[in-house]
Amino acid sequence: MLTGIILISWLCFLPGSNGEVWMDTTPIKQMVKAGDTTVLACSVENLGRNVVRWFGPGHALLFNGDYAVTPDRRFSLTHPYISSWNLVIKNVKTGDEGLYICQVQSSTETLTKKVTVEVQVAPRILPSSSSEDQQVLEGSDVTLVCGATGSPTPKIMWHVLKDSEPKQLDTGEQLVLSNISREETGVYTCTAFNAVIPQAYRHIKVDVEYAPSIIVKTQELSQERGKLAYLECTVVGFPQGRNYWKKDNRILVRDWNYEPLDYPLNATTNVMNLHIKQVEPPQGFGVYYCVAENKHGTAVGNVTLNEITTTTTTTTTTTTPAPTTTITTTTSTTQSTTGSTIRLSTPGSPQPSTVSTTSISSQRPPTPPVHTLSTARPVITSPYKPVVTTGPGYEIDPGNQENGASIPSPCRAIILLVFTVLFMI
């Protein structure tokens, strides 16, 4: 009995148990990602003949009961339960954000349920509000800007790519680089992020420009005339401009003897080569200048090419002459009143009317021995032919010989001397 009384009393105090309209009027805030579908709940008890109305942002009437006032077909009502008057919004847009009101007006009061819709939007970087790629002079101040939108408001973080790895720099819409140096050349990235994915990125390339400089590894070279020579300079600068070689105030262009070549290593470094196919004096040797120019300045380097002189040494060799034998033969005759025979003296005999004198001199010549033969023709003052010997103690009387079988005396003397010389050799 007591239990029944308690149950009846509890039912009497339930919402709407007395026949009055009841609504859950607790205000709520509902977040939805753009593009998604959201459901705004509204629960009403004891509605009776009363009508539930839904109002959108700006108090625009969306539904009057089950009747759709809005022409936007993304909006609809759903009744999962008898007391449910839920508003469904499909493909939520940022313009759908705002205050939505579920309202019931009875004869005694107006009940209202407020739902605040916040549309979450993934971050987006606005090109019109962000920096483009930059070309700046070394030593200047640079400010990079990254403008982004999104809901909630996105945060901005900056990175720079160094050695293929991102290096974090700072946060905020702006990044200030004071007194920028050439080492700060690179790609800077701003990242916009909030609670909604995906994140947004923007890459800004910063090129630091500066005047060129020249590095000469070998400032002095030597080469022989007529040979090939290679000269080299390295240019560092940005942007790369005009590079050329000069000699004697003349710019060297490609021809039969000179071949200037450039080999770019990267955007800031270039190797200048000069091939000289045949180095000839006087123009081939001397100082060569490598020149680099860009819009920020000029740099000059120099390479000196010297001539290798080849010295020829002449060696003179003096030798002592070998012995030289000189034989001088003198023949003299005397006239006799008693005969016509002229005798040549023999060794050991007294001096006759015919005298033979031989002189020998010796010295060392630089060449093989030279034999000098001097022979005096005998002078005959007698009508008789002289007696000529062919050896010691042997006589021939030419007066008794026939003219046809005799050998002329000069020829015999010559033959005798030749055999004597050969015997001495």
Protein backbone atom coordinates (compact mmCIF):
# COMPACT_ATOMS: atom_id res chain seq x y z
CA MET A 1 0.00 0.00 0.00
CA LEU A 2 2.81 2.38 0.95
CA THR A 3 4.79 1.41 -2.13
CA GLY A 4 1.91 2.26 -4.42
CA ILE A 5 1.50 5.68 -2.82
CA ILE A 6 5.19 6.46 -3.35
CA LEU A 7 5.07 5.35 -6.98
CA ILE A 8 2.03 7.50 -7.70
CA SER A 9 3.70 10.50 -6.07
CA TRP A 10 6.89 10.04 -8.16
CA LEU A 11 4.91 9.86 -11.36
CA CYS A 12 3.17 13.07 -10.46
CA PHE A 13 6.43 14.93 -10.16
CA LEU A 14 7.93 13.67 -13.48
CA PRO A 15 8.39 16.33 -16.23
CA GLY A 16 5.17 16.79 -18.07
CA SER A 17 3.37 14.39 -15.78
CA ASN A 18 0.96 17.15 -14.97
CA GLY A 19 0.13 17.64 -18.66
CA GLU A 20 2.37 20.68 -19.17
CA VAL A 21 4.96 20.89 -21.98
CA TRP A 22 8.49 20.03 -20.91
CA MET A 23 11.75 20.69 -22.78
CA ASP A 24 15.42 20.08 -21.99
CA THR A 25 16.59 23.69 -22.12
CA THR A 26 20.24 23.14 -21.20
CA PRO A 27 22.35 25.20 -23.67
CA ILE A 28 25.16 23.33 -25.40
CA LYS A 29 28.08 24.11 -27.72
CA GLN A 30 28.60 21.71 -30.56
CA MET A 31 31.72 21.56 -32.74
CA VAL A 32 31.67 20.04 -36.19
CA LYS A 33 34.26 19.74 -38.88
CA ALA A 34 33.46 21.42 -42.16
CA GLY A 35 32.07 18.92 -44.59
CA ASP A 36 30.76 16.58 -41.94
CA THR A 37 27.13 15.95 -40.82
CA THR A 38 25.94 17.08 -37.41
CA VAL A 39 22.73 16.49 -35.39
CA LEU A 40 21.31 19.14 -33.06
CA ALA A 41 19.17 17.40 -30.41
CA CYS A 42 15.90 18.80 -29.02
CA SER A 43 13.71 16.75 -26.65
CA VAL A 44 10.10 17.81 -25.89
CA GLU A 45 7.55 16.05 -23.66
CA ASN A 46 3.80 16.57 -23.58
CA LEU A 47 3.88 18.61 -26.75
CA GLY A 48 0.16 18.22 -27.27
CA ARG A 49 -1.08 20.57 -29.93
CA ASN A 50 1.92 22.84 -29.54
CA VAL A 51 4.45 23.23 -32.36
CA VAL A 52 8.26 22.83 -32.30
CA ARG A 53 10.12 25.39 -34.33
CA TRP A 54 13.81 25.52 -35.32
CA PHE A 55 15.56 28.82 -35.95
CA GLY A 56 19.00 29.20 -37.53
CA PRO A 57 21.68 31.91 -37.26
CA GLY A 58 20.13 35.35 -37.49
CA HIS A 59 16.88 33.90 -36.13
CA ALA A 60 15.95 32.59 -39.56
CA LEU A 61 13.07 30.10 -39.39
CA LEU A 62 14.13 26.72 -40.63
CA PHE A 63 11.27 24.42 -39.59
CA ASN A 64 7.77 25.05 -38.33
CA GLY A 65 6.91 21.67 -36.91
CA ASP A 66 7.63 19.14 -39.63
CA TYR A 67 7.27 21.75 -42.35
CA ALA A 68 10.58 22.90 -43.87
CA VAL A 69 10.69 26.64 -44.38
CA THR A 70 14.31 26.77 -45.56
CA PRO A 71 14.96 25.82 -49.18
CA ASP A 72 18.35 24.38 -48.25
CA ARG A 73 17.95 20.62 -48.58
CA ARG A 74 20.96 20.03 -46.37
CA PHE A 75 18.67 20.66 -43.39
CA SER A 76 16.17 18.06 -42.19
CA LEU A 77 14.30 16.83 -39.06
CA THR A 78 14.54 13.41 -37.51
CA HIS A 79 12.37 11.68 -34.82
CA PRO A 80 14.24 8.67 -33.44
CA TYR A 81 11.86 8.90 -30.45
CA ILE A 82 8.41 10.43 -29.97
CA SER A 83 9.93 13.24 -27.93
CA SER A 84 12.85 13.86 -30.33
CA TRP A 85 12.86 16.87 -32.65
CA ASN A 86 16.43 16.72 -33.88
CA LEU A 87 17.79 19.05 -36.57
CA VAL A 88 20.20 17.39 -39.03
CA ILE A 89 22.70 19.47 -41.04
CA LYS A 90 24.61 17.67 -43.79
CA ASN A 91 27.88 18.81 -45.39
CA VAL A 92 28.40 21.53 -42.84
CA LYS A 93 29.81 24.76 -44.14
CA THR A 94 31.51 27.63 -42.38
CA GLY A 95 28.38 29.72 -43.02
CA ASP A 96 26.40 27.27 -40.94
CA GLU A 97 28.23 28.38 -37.83
CA GLY A 98 26.16 30.26 -35.23
CA LEU A 99 23.31 29.97 -32.72
CA TYR A 100 20.45 27.52 -33.37
CA ILE A 101 17.24 27.63 -31.28
CA CYS A 102 14.69 24.89 -30.71
CA GLN A 103 11.51 26.56 -29.40
CA VAL A 104 8.07 25.54 -28.15
CA GLN A 105 5.46 28.17 -27.29
CA SER A 106 2.63 27.00 -25.07
CA SER A 107 -0.32 28.91 -23.69
CA THR A 108 1.60 29.76 -20.57
CA GLU A 109 5.27 30.03 -21.57
CA THR A 110 7.89 29.79 -24.27
CA LEU A 111 10.51 27.06 -23.92
CA THR A 112 13.84 27.47 -25.70
CA LYS A 113 16.82 25.18 -26.32
CA LYS A 114 19.99 26.94 -27.53
CA VAL A 115 22.71 25.11 -29.47
CA THR A 116 25.84 26.99 -30.55
CA VAL A 117 27.47 25.43 -33.60
CA GLU A 118 31.16 25.98 -34.20
CA VAL A 119 32.42 24.77 -37.54
CA GLN A 120 36.01 23.55 -37.44
CA VAL A 121 37.95 24.33 -40.58
CA ALA A 122 41.32 22.89 -41.50
CA PRO A 123 44.03 25.55 -41.81
CA ARG A 124 44.61 27.18 -45.16
CA ILE A 125 47.46 29.51 -46.12
CA LEU A 126 46.44 32.53 -48.15
CA PRO A 127 48.88 33.27 -50.99
CA SER A 128 47.72 36.87 -51.13
CA SER A 129 48.72 37.35 -47.49
CA SER A 130 52.03 35.42 -47.68
CA SER A 131 55.53 36.10 -48.98
CA GLU A 132 56.73 34.99 -52.38
CA ASP A 133 60.25 33.73 -53.16
CA GLN A 134 62.87 36.31 -52.19
CA GLN A 135 66.12 37.56 -53.78
CA VAL A 136 67.88 39.73 -51.21
CA LEU A 137 71.29 41.34 -50.89
CA GLU A 138 73.67 39.99 -48.29
CA GLY A 139 73.58 42.07 -45.11
CA SER A 140 69.99 43.25 -45.48
CA ASP A 141 67.00 42.52 -43.21
CA VAL A 142 64.32 40.16 -44.49
CA THR A 143 60.78 39.58 -43.17
CA LEU A 144 58.82 36.53 -44.29
CA VAL A 145 55.04 36.47 -43.81
CA CYS A 146 52.68 33.50 -43.74
CA GLY A 147 48.95 34.37 -43.59
CA ALA A 148 46.58 31.50 -42.74
CA THR A 149 42.92 30.96 -41.94
CA GLY A 150 41.10 28.14 -40.19
CA SER A 151 38.87 27.37 -37.24
CA PRO A 152 40.09 27.35 -34.61
CA THR A 153 42.64 29.99 -35.57
CA PRO A 154 45.74 28.08 -36.70
CA LYS A 155 49.21 28.44 -35.25
CA ILE A 156 52.21 29.09 -37.49
CA MET A 157 55.63 27.43 -37.15
CA TRP A 158 58.74 28.14 -39.28
CA HIS A 159 61.44 25.71 -40.43
CA VAL A 160 64.41 25.93 -42.79
CA LEU A 161 65.86 23.02 -44.71
CA LYS A 162 69.53 22.49 -43.84
CA ASP A 163 71.53 19.47 -44.99
CA SER A 164 68.29 17.75 -46.01
CA GLU A 165 66.93 18.12 -42.47
CA PRO A 166 64.32 20.67 -41.30
CA LYS A 167 65.55 23.04 -38.58
CA GLN A 168 62.93 24.75 -36.41
CA LEU A 169 63.28 28.52 -36.22
CA ASP A 170 60.34 30.42 -34.69
CA THR A 171 56.55 30.65 -34.41
CA GLY A 172 54.10 33.33 -35.54
CA GLU A 173 52.92 34.78 -38.80
CA GLN A 174 56.21 36.62 -39.41
CA LEU A 175 59.84 35.46 -39.49
CA VAL A 176 62.51 38.18 -39.32
CA LEU A 177 66.04 37.50 -40.63
CA SER A 178 68.35 40.35 -39.64
CA ASN A 179 71.64 41.05 -41.44
CA ILE A 180 71.15 37.97 -43.59
CA SER A 181 74.26 36.13 -44.77
CA ARG A 182 74.92 33.88 -47.75
CA GLU A 183 74.86 30.86 -45.44
CA GLU A 184 71.17 31.58 -44.77
CA THR A 185 70.24 30.91 -48.37
CA GLY A 186 67.63 28.16 -48.42
CA VAL A 187 64.00 27.11 -48.47
CA TYR A 188 61.91 28.36 -45.55
CA THR A 189 58.65 26.56 -44.70
CA CYS A 190 55.72 27.87 -42.69
CA THR A 191 53.32 25.28 -41.27
CA ALA A 192 49.76 26.18 -40.21
CA PHE A 193 47.99 23.74 -37.90
CA ASN A 194 44.97 23.50 -35.56
CA ALA A 195 42.75 20.69 -34.28
CA VAL A 196 41.63 19.85 -37.79
CA ILE A 197 43.69 17.92 -40.26
CA PRO A 198 45.33 18.26 -42.67
CA GLN A 199 47.94 20.88 -41.87
CA ALA A 200 48.86 23.55 -44.40
CA TYR A 201 52.36 24.33 -45.72
CA ARG A 202 54.02 27.04 -47.75
CA HIS A 203 57.62 26.99 -49.04
CA ILE A 204 59.45 30.27 -49.57
CA LYS A 205 62.84 30.21 -51.28
CA VAL A 206 65.31 32.85 -50.14
CA ASP A 207 68.35 33.51 -52.37
CA VAL A 208 71.03 35.72 -50.85
CA GLU A 209 72.92 37.64 -53.55
CA TYR A 210 76.50 38.89 -53.22
CA ALA A 211 79.42 40.08 -55.33
CA PRO A 212 81.75 37.43 -56.81
CA SER A 213 85.09 36.39 -55.37
CA ILE A 214 87.85 34.39 -57.07
CA ILE A 215 89.98 31.59 -55.65
CA VAL A 216 93.24 30.73 -57.46
CA LYS A 217 94.78 27.50 -56.22
CA THR A 218 97.94 27.72 -58.35
CA GLN A 219 99.05 31.28 -59.00
CA GLU A 220 102.28 30.42 -60.84
CA LEU A 221 102.94 27.79 -63.49
CA SER A 222 105.89 26.90 -65.71
CA GLN A 223 105.89 25.29 -69.12
CA GLU A 224 108.18 24.78 -72.09
CA ARG A 225 107.54 26.69 -75.26
CA GLY A 226 105.34 24.94 -77.77
CA LYS A 227 103.64 22.81 -75.10
CA LEU A 228 100.07 22.71 -73.75
CA ALA A 229 99.10 24.68 -70.60
CA TYR A 230 96.01 24.66 -68.34
CA LEU A 231 95.05 27.66 -66.18
CA GLU A 232 92.24 27.53 -63.58
CA CYS A 233 90.25 29.92 -61.36
CA THR A 234 87.22 29.23 -59.13
CA VAL A 235 84.44 31.86 -58.96
CA VAL A 236 82.06 32.07 -55.97
CA GLY A 237 79.14 34.48 -56.23
CA PHE A 238 75.40 34.80 -56.76
CA PRO A 239 73.96 35.26 -59.20
CA GLN A 240 76.58 34.01 -61.63
CA GLY A 241 77.35 36.61 -64.27
CA ARG A 242 79.98 37.05 -66.95
CA ASN A 243 83.33 35.23 -66.63
CA TYR A 244 86.27 35.74 -69.01
CA TRP A 245 90.11 35.63 -69.34
CA LYS A 246 92.37 38.57 -70.22
CA LYS A 247 95.99 38.83 -71.36
CA ASP A 248 97.77 42.07 -72.20
CA ASN A 249 94.47 44.03 -71.90
CA ARG A 250 92.85 41.72 -74.46
CA ILE A 251 89.88 39.47 -73.76
CA LEU A 252 90.72 35.94 -74.86
CA VAL A 253 88.09 34.28 -77.01
CA ARG A 254 88.00 30.77 -78.40
CA ASP A 255 90.35 30.34 -81.35
CA TRP A 256 92.98 27.92 -82.65
CA ASN A 257 95.19 28.40 -79.58
CA TYR A 258 92.91 29.51 -76.69
CA GLU A 259 89.90 27.61 -75.38
CA PRO A 260 88.16 29.21 -72.36
CA LEU A 261 85.75 26.82 -70.60
CA ASP A 262 83.35 27.14 -67.63
CA TYR A 263 82.26 24.25 -65.40
CA PRO A 264 79.41 25.16 -62.98
CA LEU A 265 79.57 23.14 -59.75
CA ASN A 266 76.36 24.57 -58.27
CA ALA A 267 74.27 27.75 -58.28
CA THR A 268 77.04 29.79 -56.60
CA THR A 269 80.33 28.16 -57.71
CA ASN A 270 81.86 28.05 -61.17
CA VAL A 271 85.28 26.77 -62.32
CA MET A 272 86.99 28.79 -65.07
CA ASN A 273 89.54 26.95 -67.23
CA LEU A 274 91.80 28.28 -69.96
CA HIS A 275 93.40 25.71 -72.28
CA ILE A 276 96.40 27.03 -74.18
CA LYS A 277 97.16 24.56 -76.93
CA GLN A 278 100.61 25.90 -77.80
CA VAL A 279 102.56 28.31 -75.61
CA GLU A 280 104.88 30.47 -77.68
CA PRO A 281 106.92 33.50 -76.60
CA PRO A 282 106.58 36.33 -76.12
CA GLN A 283 102.77 36.57 -75.94
CA GLY A 284 102.28 33.06 -74.58
CA PHE A 285 104.11 33.69 -71.33
CA GLY A 286 103.28 36.25 -68.67
CA VAL A 287 100.32 37.11 -66.44
CA TYR A 288 96.81 35.91 -67.30
CA TYR A 289 93.79 37.45 -65.55
CA CYS A 290 90.52 35.66 -64.76
CA VAL A 291 87.63 38.12 -64.36
CA ALA A 292 84.15 37.52 -62.87
CA GLU A 293 81.32 40.05 -62.97
CA ASN A 294 77.74 40.20 -61.71
CA LYS A 295 75.34 43.03 -60.88
CA HIS A 296 76.86 43.45 -57.41
CA GLY A 297 80.56 43.73 -58.30
CA THR A 298 83.68 42.47 -60.09
CA ALA A 299 86.50 40.18 -58.97
CA VAL A 300 89.90 39.62 -60.64
CA GLY A 301 92.42 36.83 -60.13
CA ASN A 302 95.73 36.21 -61.88
CA VAL A 303 97.89 33.27 -62.94
CA THR A 304 101.52 33.73 -64.05
CA LEU A 305 102.82 31.39 -66.75
CA ASN A 306 106.62 31.19 -66.86
CA GLU A 307 108.82 29.67 -69.54
CA ILE A 308 110.99 26.65 -68.76
CA THR A 309 114.38 27.40 -70.37
CA THR A 310 116.34 24.43 -71.72
CA THR A 311 120.16 24.94 -71.50
CA THR A 312 122.32 23.14 -74.15
CA THR A 313 125.87 22.27 -72.95
CA THR A 314 128.59 21.75 -75.63
CA THR A 315 131.57 19.64 -74.51
CA THR A 316 134.89 19.99 -76.45
CA THR A 317 137.40 17.11 -76.09
CA THR A 318 141.11 17.80 -76.79
CA THR A 319 143.43 14.84 -77.40
CA THR A 320 147.22 14.67 -77.80
CA PRO A 321 148.37 13.95 -81.39
CA ALA A 322 149.86 10.51 -82.09
CA PRO A 323 153.51 10.28 -83.30
CA THR A 324 154.12 11.50 -86.82
CA THR A 325 157.12 10.21 -88.79
CA THR A 326 158.57 12.50 -91.42
CA ILE A 327 161.14 11.08 -93.83
CA THR A 328 163.16 13.50 -95.88
CA THR A 329 165.53 12.09 -98.47
CA THR A 330 168.06 14.33 -100.14
CA THR A 331 170.19 13.00 -102.99
CA SER A 332 173.15 14.95 -104.31
CA THR A 333 175.60 14.02 -107.06
CA THR A 334 179.14 15.13 -107.93
CA GLN A 335 180.82 15.13 -111.32
CA SER A 336 183.81 12.84 -111.84
CA THR A 337 186.46 13.37 -114.57
CA THR A 338 187.44 9.76 -114.70
CA GLY A 339 184.12 7.95 -114.88
CA SER A 340 180.39 8.31 -115.01
CA THR A 341 179.39 6.19 -112.06
CA ILE A 342 177.66 7.86 -109.11
CA ARG A 343 177.49 5.73 -105.99
CA LEU A 344 175.03 5.92 -103.13
CA SER A 345 176.67 5.56 -99.77
CA THR A 346 176.18 2.48 -97.70
CA PRO A 347 176.09 2.34 -93.93
CA GLY A 348 179.54 2.47 -92.43
CA SER A 349 181.29 3.73 -95.57
CA PRO A 350 182.93 7.14 -96.01
CA GLN A 351 180.79 9.97 -97.34
CA PRO A 352 180.65 9.49 -101.16
CA SER A 353 179.59 11.87 -103.80
CA THR A 354 175.95 10.93 -103.07
CA VAL A 355 174.63 11.93 -99.67
CA SER A 356 171.31 10.66 -98.22
CA THR A 357 170.00 12.36 -95.15
CA THR A 358 166.99 11.12 -93.17
CA SER A 359 165.44 13.09 -90.30
CA ILE A 360 162.74 11.72 -87.97
CA SER A 361 160.60 13.78 -85.66
CA SER A 362 158.02 12.38 -83.29
CA GLN A 363 154.93 13.86 -81.63
CA ARG A 364 151.49 12.54 -80.48
CA PRO A 365 148.69 13.64 -82.82
CA PRO A 366 144.95 13.55 -82.05
CA THR A 367 144.44 11.37 -85.11
CA PRO A 368 146.10 8.22 -86.45
CA PRO A 369 149.71 8.69 -87.55
CA VAL A 370 150.25 10.83 -90.63
CA HIS A 371 153.21 10.00 -92.86
CA THR A 372 154.72 12.86 -94.80
CA LEU A 373 157.01 11.89 -97.67
CA SER A 374 159.42 14.35 -99.15
CA THR A 375 161.58 13.23 -102.02
CA ALA A 376 164.16 15.36 -103.90
CA ARG A 377 164.61 14.51 -107.56
CA PRO A 378 168.32 13.73 -108.27
CA VAL A 379 170.07 16.29 -110.40
CA ILE A 380 172.33 14.62 -113.06
CA THR A 381 175.22 16.80 -114.24
CA SER A 382 177.08 13.96 -115.98
CA PRO A 383 176.27 12.53 -119.38
CA TYR A 384 176.28 9.16 -117.74
CA LYS A 385 173.36 7.61 -115.81
CA PRO A 386 173.95 7.11 -112.09
CA VAL A 387 174.34 3.76 -110.44
CA VAL A 388 171.36 3.02 -108.11
CA THR A 389 171.51 0.33 -105.48
CA THR A 390 168.50 -1.61 -104.26
CA GLY A 391 170.15 -2.63 -101.08
CA PRO A 392 173.33 -2.17 -99.10
CA GLY A 393 176.42 -3.19 -101.05
CA TYR A 394 174.52 -4.11 -104.21
CA GLU A 395 175.13 -2.02 -107.34
CA ILE A 396 173.40 -1.81 -110.69
CA ASP A 397 175.07 -0.13 -113.60
CA PRO A 398 172.35 1.53 -115.55
CA GLY A 399 174.72 2.25 -118.41
CA ASN A 400 174.69 -1.37 -119.50
CA GLN A 401 170.85 -1.74 -119.37
CA GLU A 402 168.59 -1.40 -122.31
CA ASN A 403 166.27 1.53 -122.38
CA GLY A 404 163.22 -0.62 -122.73
CA ALA A 405 163.97 -2.81 -119.65
CA SER A 406 165.00 -0.10 -117.21
CA ILE A 407 162.76 1.55 -114.56
CA PRO A 408 163.12 5.33 -114.28
CA SER A 409 165.13 6.39 -111.27
CA PRO A 410 162.39 8.62 -109.70
CA CYS A 411 159.95 5.73 -109.75
CA ARG A 412 162.48 3.45 -108.10
CA ALA A 413 163.11 5.99 -105.40
CA ILE A 414 159.41 6.32 -104.73
CA ILE A 415 158.94 2.53 -104.62
CA LEU A 416 161.90 2.26 -102.28
CA LEU A 417 160.47 4.89 -99.96
CA VAL A 418 157.02 3.24 -99.96
CA PHE A 419 158.51 -0.12 -98.96
CA THR A 420 160.65 1.58 -96.32
CA VAL A 421 157.64 3.32 -94.83
CA LEU A 422 155.63 0.10 -94.84
CA PHE A 423 158.49 -1.71 -93.15
CA MET A 424 158.64 0.94 -90.40
CA ILE A 425 154.89 0.71 -89.81
